[in-house]
């Protein structure tokens, strides 16, 4: 898909609907991932083996969780809606579904630092060069380059609630852990799934206290853009 067409598609078609389409159009690919590990380390086989589905929200320690529980990268950044298409309604209903969330102000700083350092893929690097390098600082980026449309341009900025709701906007997972209590929540998961393993920090962005990146104005911009995350998961700027 050409760049301008892809951008227009992203603007016109809501994120949730795009995820539904992705599930249907890539069904054969996902069927293969349920039986084997891909060359880049993704696999849905452990989900079937353990009767669970991990919904990996970007910048919530998901790679660490995947590697510890499954020994692979899982299914990547797919939503609850997409997994329902992949596994089918009945299977999705019966599997134990879980995700991790993070303070939106902290997550945004982590995503920004991660992308400014080049991200993990060439796509991350190219996106950062095109959209982030034009801004002099994180503050400038928030005040001049972040809108309700911009946060859907790349998956690292997409609101977290989008990943865990069904078509009716209702949370459709069984357990939501928190980045802030990662070790304790991971232990709960290990016991629930019958997996005994250690959680290692992978793809960790060193950035210091996220609050130091903001002033009152930029903190308020994030509060408005991610208001549903803040309300749904009970976060505040200092929490």
Protein backbone atom coordinates (compact mmCIF):
# COMPACT_ATOMS: atom_id res chain seq x y z
CA UNK A 1 0.00 0.00 0.00
CA UNK A 2 1.44 3.37 -1.06
CA UNK A 3 2.31 5.86 1.67
CA UNK A 4 -0.44 8.38 0.94
CA UNK A 5 -3.05 5.64 0.58
CA UNK A 6 -1.97 3.99 3.83
CA UNK A 7 -2.20 7.32 5.64
CA UNK A 8 -5.66 8.01 4.21
CA UNK A 9 -6.79 4.50 5.20
CA UNK A 10 -5.54 5.13 8.73
CA UNK A 11 -7.45 8.39 8.98
CA UNK A 12 -10.72 7.14 7.53
CA UNK A 13 -10.98 3.64 9.04
CA UNK A 14 -11.11 3.48 12.87
CA UNK A 15 -8.33 1.58 14.59
CA UNK A 16 -10.61 -1.17 15.91
CA UNK A 17 -12.07 -1.84 12.47
CA UNK A 18 -8.57 -1.95 10.96
CA UNK A 19 -7.71 -4.62 13.52
CA UNK A 20 -10.77 -6.67 12.53
CA UNK A 21 -9.75 -6.47 8.88
CA UNK A 22 -6.18 -7.44 9.77
CA UNK A 23 -7.44 -10.54 11.55
CA UNK A 24 -9.50 -11.69 8.57
CA UNK A 25 -7.01 -10.85 5.81
CA UNK A 26 -4.09 -12.50 7.62
CA UNK A 27 -5.99 -15.51 8.90
CA UNK A 28 -3.79 -17.99 7.02
CA UNK A 29 -0.65 -16.38 8.40
CA UNK A 30 -1.98 -16.52 11.95
CA UNK A 31 -3.07 -20.14 11.48
CA UNK A 32 0.55 -20.97 10.66
CA UNK A 33 1.74 -19.14 13.79
CA UNK A 34 -0.51 -21.39 15.88
CA UNK A 35 1.58 -24.38 14.85
CA UNK A 36 5.13 -23.04 14.64
CA UNK A 37 7.55 -20.22 15.44
CA UNK A 38 8.21 -17.75 12.64
CA UNK A 39 11.73 -16.86 11.51
CA UNK A 40 11.49 -13.58 13.46
CA UNK A 41 10.44 -15.28 16.69
CA UNK A 42 6.66 -14.81 16.72
CA UNK A 43 4.34 -17.70 17.56
CA UNK A 44 0.81 -18.33 18.80
CA UNK A 45 1.47 -21.98 19.59
CA UNK A 46 2.18 -21.31 23.30
CA UNK A 47 -1.21 -19.63 23.57
CA UNK A 48 -2.92 -22.85 22.50
CA UNK A 49 -0.60 -24.95 24.65
CA UNK A 50 -1.39 -22.93 27.79
CA UNK A 51 -4.97 -21.99 26.84
CA UNK A 52 -4.23 -18.31 27.21
CA UNK A 53 -3.92 -15.16 25.10
CA UNK A 54 -1.50 -12.36 25.90
CA UNK A 55 -2.51 -8.98 24.53
CA UNK A 56 0.78 -7.15 24.20
CA UNK A 57 0.30 -3.41 24.53
CA UNK A 58 3.44 -1.57 23.34
CA UNK A 59 5.81 -0.24 26.02
CA UNK A 60 4.38 -2.25 28.92
CA UNK A 61 7.24 -4.80 29.31
CA UNK A 62 5.47 -7.16 26.91
CA UNK A 63 8.64 -8.59 25.34
CA UNK A 64 9.93 -9.54 28.78
CA UNK A 65 6.61 -11.16 29.65
CA UNK A 66 6.48 -13.08 26.36
CA UNK A 67 10.02 -14.38 26.60
CA UNK A 68 9.57 -15.45 30.21
CA UNK A 69 6.22 -17.20 29.74
CA UNK A 70 6.42 -18.46 26.17
CA UNK A 71 10.07 -18.36 25.08
CA UNK A 72 9.11 -16.33 21.99
CA UNK A 73 7.50 -13.02 20.99
CA UNK A 74 3.92 -14.26 21.05
CA UNK A 75 1.61 -12.67 18.50
CA UNK A 76 2.98 -9.16 18.56
CA UNK A 77 0.84 -6.08 19.13
CA UNK A 78 -2.60 -7.49 18.33
CA UNK A 79 -5.83 -6.41 19.99
CA UNK A 80 -8.50 -8.42 21.78
CA UNK A 81 -10.71 -7.92 18.71
CA UNK A 82 -8.08 -9.38 16.40
CA UNK A 83 -7.50 -12.38 18.64
CA UNK A 84 -11.22 -13.10 18.69
CA UNK A 85 -11.09 -13.31 14.89
CA UNK A 86 -7.95 -15.48 14.94
CA UNK A 87 -9.07 -17.97 17.60
CA UNK A 88 -12.82 -17.81 17.11
CA UNK A 89 -15.44 -16.56 19.54
CA UNK A 90 -15.78 -19.74 21.59
CA UNK A 91 -12.06 -20.39 21.93
CA UNK A 92 -11.40 -16.78 22.81
CA UNK A 93 -14.09 -16.92 25.47
CA UNK A 94 -12.60 -20.03 27.09
CA UNK A 95 -8.93 -18.98 27.03
CA UNK A 96 -7.43 -16.93 29.87
CA UNK A 97 -6.81 -13.48 28.43
CA UNK A 98 -4.45 -10.97 30.00
CA UNK A 99 -2.60 -7.72 29.34
CA UNK A 100 -0.38 -5.18 31.08
CA UNK A 101 -1.00 -1.43 31.18
CA UNK A 102 1.14 1.54 32.17
CA UNK A 103 0.76 5.11 33.38
CA UNK A 104 0.03 7.02 30.12
CA UNK A 105 2.45 9.87 30.90
CA UNK A 106 5.22 7.38 31.66
CA UNK A 107 4.41 5.20 28.65
CA UNK A 108 4.52 8.18 26.28
CA UNK A 109 7.96 9.22 27.48
CA UNK A 110 9.20 5.64 27.17
CA UNK A 111 7.85 5.36 23.62
CA UNK A 112 9.39 8.69 22.62
CA UNK A 113 12.83 7.79 24.01
CA UNK A 114 12.63 4.33 22.46
CA UNK A 115 11.81 5.69 19.00
CA UNK A 116 14.36 8.50 19.19
CA UNK A 117 16.99 5.82 19.79
CA UNK A 118 15.90 4.02 16.63
CA UNK A 119 13.32 1.58 17.95
CA UNK A 120 13.57 -2.11 17.06
CA UNK A 121 12.82 -2.10 13.34
CA UNK A 122 13.62 -0.08 10.25
CA UNK A 123 10.00 1.05 10.26
CA UNK A 124 10.45 2.45 13.77
CA UNK A 125 13.62 4.24 12.70
CA UNK A 126 12.03 5.69 9.57
CA UNK A 127 8.94 6.86 11.47
CA UNK A 128 11.05 8.55 14.13
CA UNK A 129 13.11 10.31 11.48
CA UNK A 130 10.02 11.51 9.60
CA UNK A 131 7.80 12.54 12.50
CA UNK A 132 9.95 13.07 15.61
CA UNK A 133 13.18 14.60 14.34
CA UNK A 134 11.39 17.79 13.30
CA UNK A 135 10.80 18.64 16.97
CA UNK A 136 13.52 20.09 19.19
CA UNK A 137 12.47 18.34 22.37
CA UNK A 138 9.88 16.10 24.00
CA UNK A 139 8.01 19.21 25.15
CA UNK A 140 7.96 20.57 21.62
CA UNK A 141 6.71 17.24 20.32
CA UNK A 142 3.85 17.14 22.84
CA UNK A 143 2.78 20.74 22.31
CA UNK A 144 3.22 20.94 18.53
CA UNK A 145 3.11 17.41 17.16
CA UNK A 146 0.68 15.34 19.19
CA UNK A 147 -3.04 15.36 18.40
CA UNK A 148 -5.90 12.88 18.64
CA UNK A 149 -5.05 11.81 15.08
CA UNK A 150 -1.28 11.65 15.61
CA UNK A 151 -1.50 9.13 18.45
CA UNK A 152 -2.88 6.62 15.94
CA UNK A 153 -0.04 7.07 13.46
CA UNK A 154 2.18 4.47 15.11
CA UNK A 155 1.29 1.65 17.49
CA UNK A 156 3.55 2.87 20.32
CA UNK A 157 1.27 5.87 20.90
CA UNK A 158 -2.12 4.20 20.42
CA UNK A 159 -4.27 4.39 23.59
CA UNK A 160 -4.12 1.25 25.68
CA UNK A 161 -7.87 0.78 26.00
CA UNK A 162 -8.03 0.11 22.25
CA UNK A 163 -6.14 -3.15 22.78
CA UNK A 164 -8.39 -4.67 25.45
CA UNK A 165 -11.97 -3.88 24.40
CA UNK A 166 -14.47 -5.70 22.22
CA UNK A 167 -16.53 -4.22 19.39
CA UNK A 168 -18.86 -2.61 21.91
CA UNK A 169 -16.03 -0.85 23.72
CA UNK A 170 -16.24 -3.13 26.76
CA UNK A 171 -13.09 -4.56 28.37
CA UNK A 172 -12.82 -8.16 27.17
CA UNK A 173 -9.86 -9.63 29.07
CA UNK A 174 -9.69 -11.61 32.32
CA UNK A 175 -6.66 -10.03 33.97
CA UNK A 176 -4.97 -6.65 33.62
CA UNK A 177 -1.58 -6.33 35.27
CA UNK A 178 0.32 -3.10 35.75
CA UNK A 179 3.80 -2.10 34.70
CA UNK A 180 4.16 -0.40 38.08
CA UNK A 181 3.59 -3.71 39.92
CA UNK A 182 5.08 -5.90 37.20
CA UNK A 183 6.90 -8.48 39.33
CA UNK A 184 3.97 -9.14 41.65
CA UNK A 185 1.46 -9.35 38.80
CA UNK A 186 3.77 -11.57 36.78
CA UNK A 187 3.96 -13.96 39.74
CA UNK A 188 0.16 -14.10 39.78
CA UNK A 189 0.20 -14.95 36.07
CA UNK A 190 2.84 -17.64 36.50
CA UNK A 191 0.77 -19.32 39.19
CA UNK A 192 -2.39 -19.05 37.09
CA UNK A 193 -0.73 -20.56 34.02
CA UNK A 194 1.38 -23.11 35.89
CA UNK A 195 4.63 -21.63 34.59
CA UNK A 196 7.65 -21.22 36.86
CA UNK A 197 10.13 -18.73 35.39
CA UNK A 198 12.01 -15.51 36.03
CA UNK A 199 11.13 -12.17 34.49
CA UNK A 200 14.06 -10.43 32.83
CA UNK A 201 14.15 -6.82 31.68
CA UNK A 202 14.33 -6.74 27.89
CA UNK A 203 14.17 -3.66 25.63
CA UNK A 204 14.33 -1.38 28.66
CA UNK A 205 14.51 2.36 27.91
CA UNK A 206 16.56 4.29 30.47
CA UNK A 207 14.95 7.67 30.81
CA UNK A 208 14.77 8.70 34.48
CA UNK A 209 11.60 9.97 36.18
CA UNK A 210 8.97 10.55 33.49
CA UNK A 211 7.54 13.52 35.42
CA UNK A 212 10.70 15.54 34.76
CA UNK A 213 9.85 15.55 31.03
CA UNK A 214 6.64 17.52 31.54
CA UNK A 215 5.43 20.95 32.55
CA UNK A 216 1.82 21.70 33.47
CA UNK A 217 0.78 22.43 29.90
CA UNK A 218 2.26 19.29 28.33
CA UNK A 219 0.94 17.10 31.15
CA UNK A 220 -2.54 18.45 30.46
CA UNK A 221 -2.25 17.66 26.74
CA UNK A 222 -1.54 14.03 27.59
CA UNK A 223 -4.36 14.00 30.14
CA UNK A 224 -6.84 14.99 27.42
CA UNK A 225 -5.49 12.70 24.70
CA UNK A 226 -5.37 9.65 26.95
CA UNK A 227 -8.36 10.46 29.14
CA UNK A 228 -9.99 7.07 28.65
CA UNK A 229 -6.81 5.21 29.62
CA UNK A 230 -6.53 7.38 32.71
CA UNK A 231 -10.15 6.83 33.72
CA UNK A 232 -10.38 3.14 32.82
CA UNK A 233 -7.14 2.07 34.50
CA UNK A 234 -7.22 4.56 37.37
CA UNK A 235 -4.03 6.53 36.69
CA UNK A 236 -3.00 10.04 37.62
CA UNK A 237 0.08 12.04 36.72
CA UNK A 238 1.86 11.16 39.99
CA UNK A 239 0.61 7.57 40.24
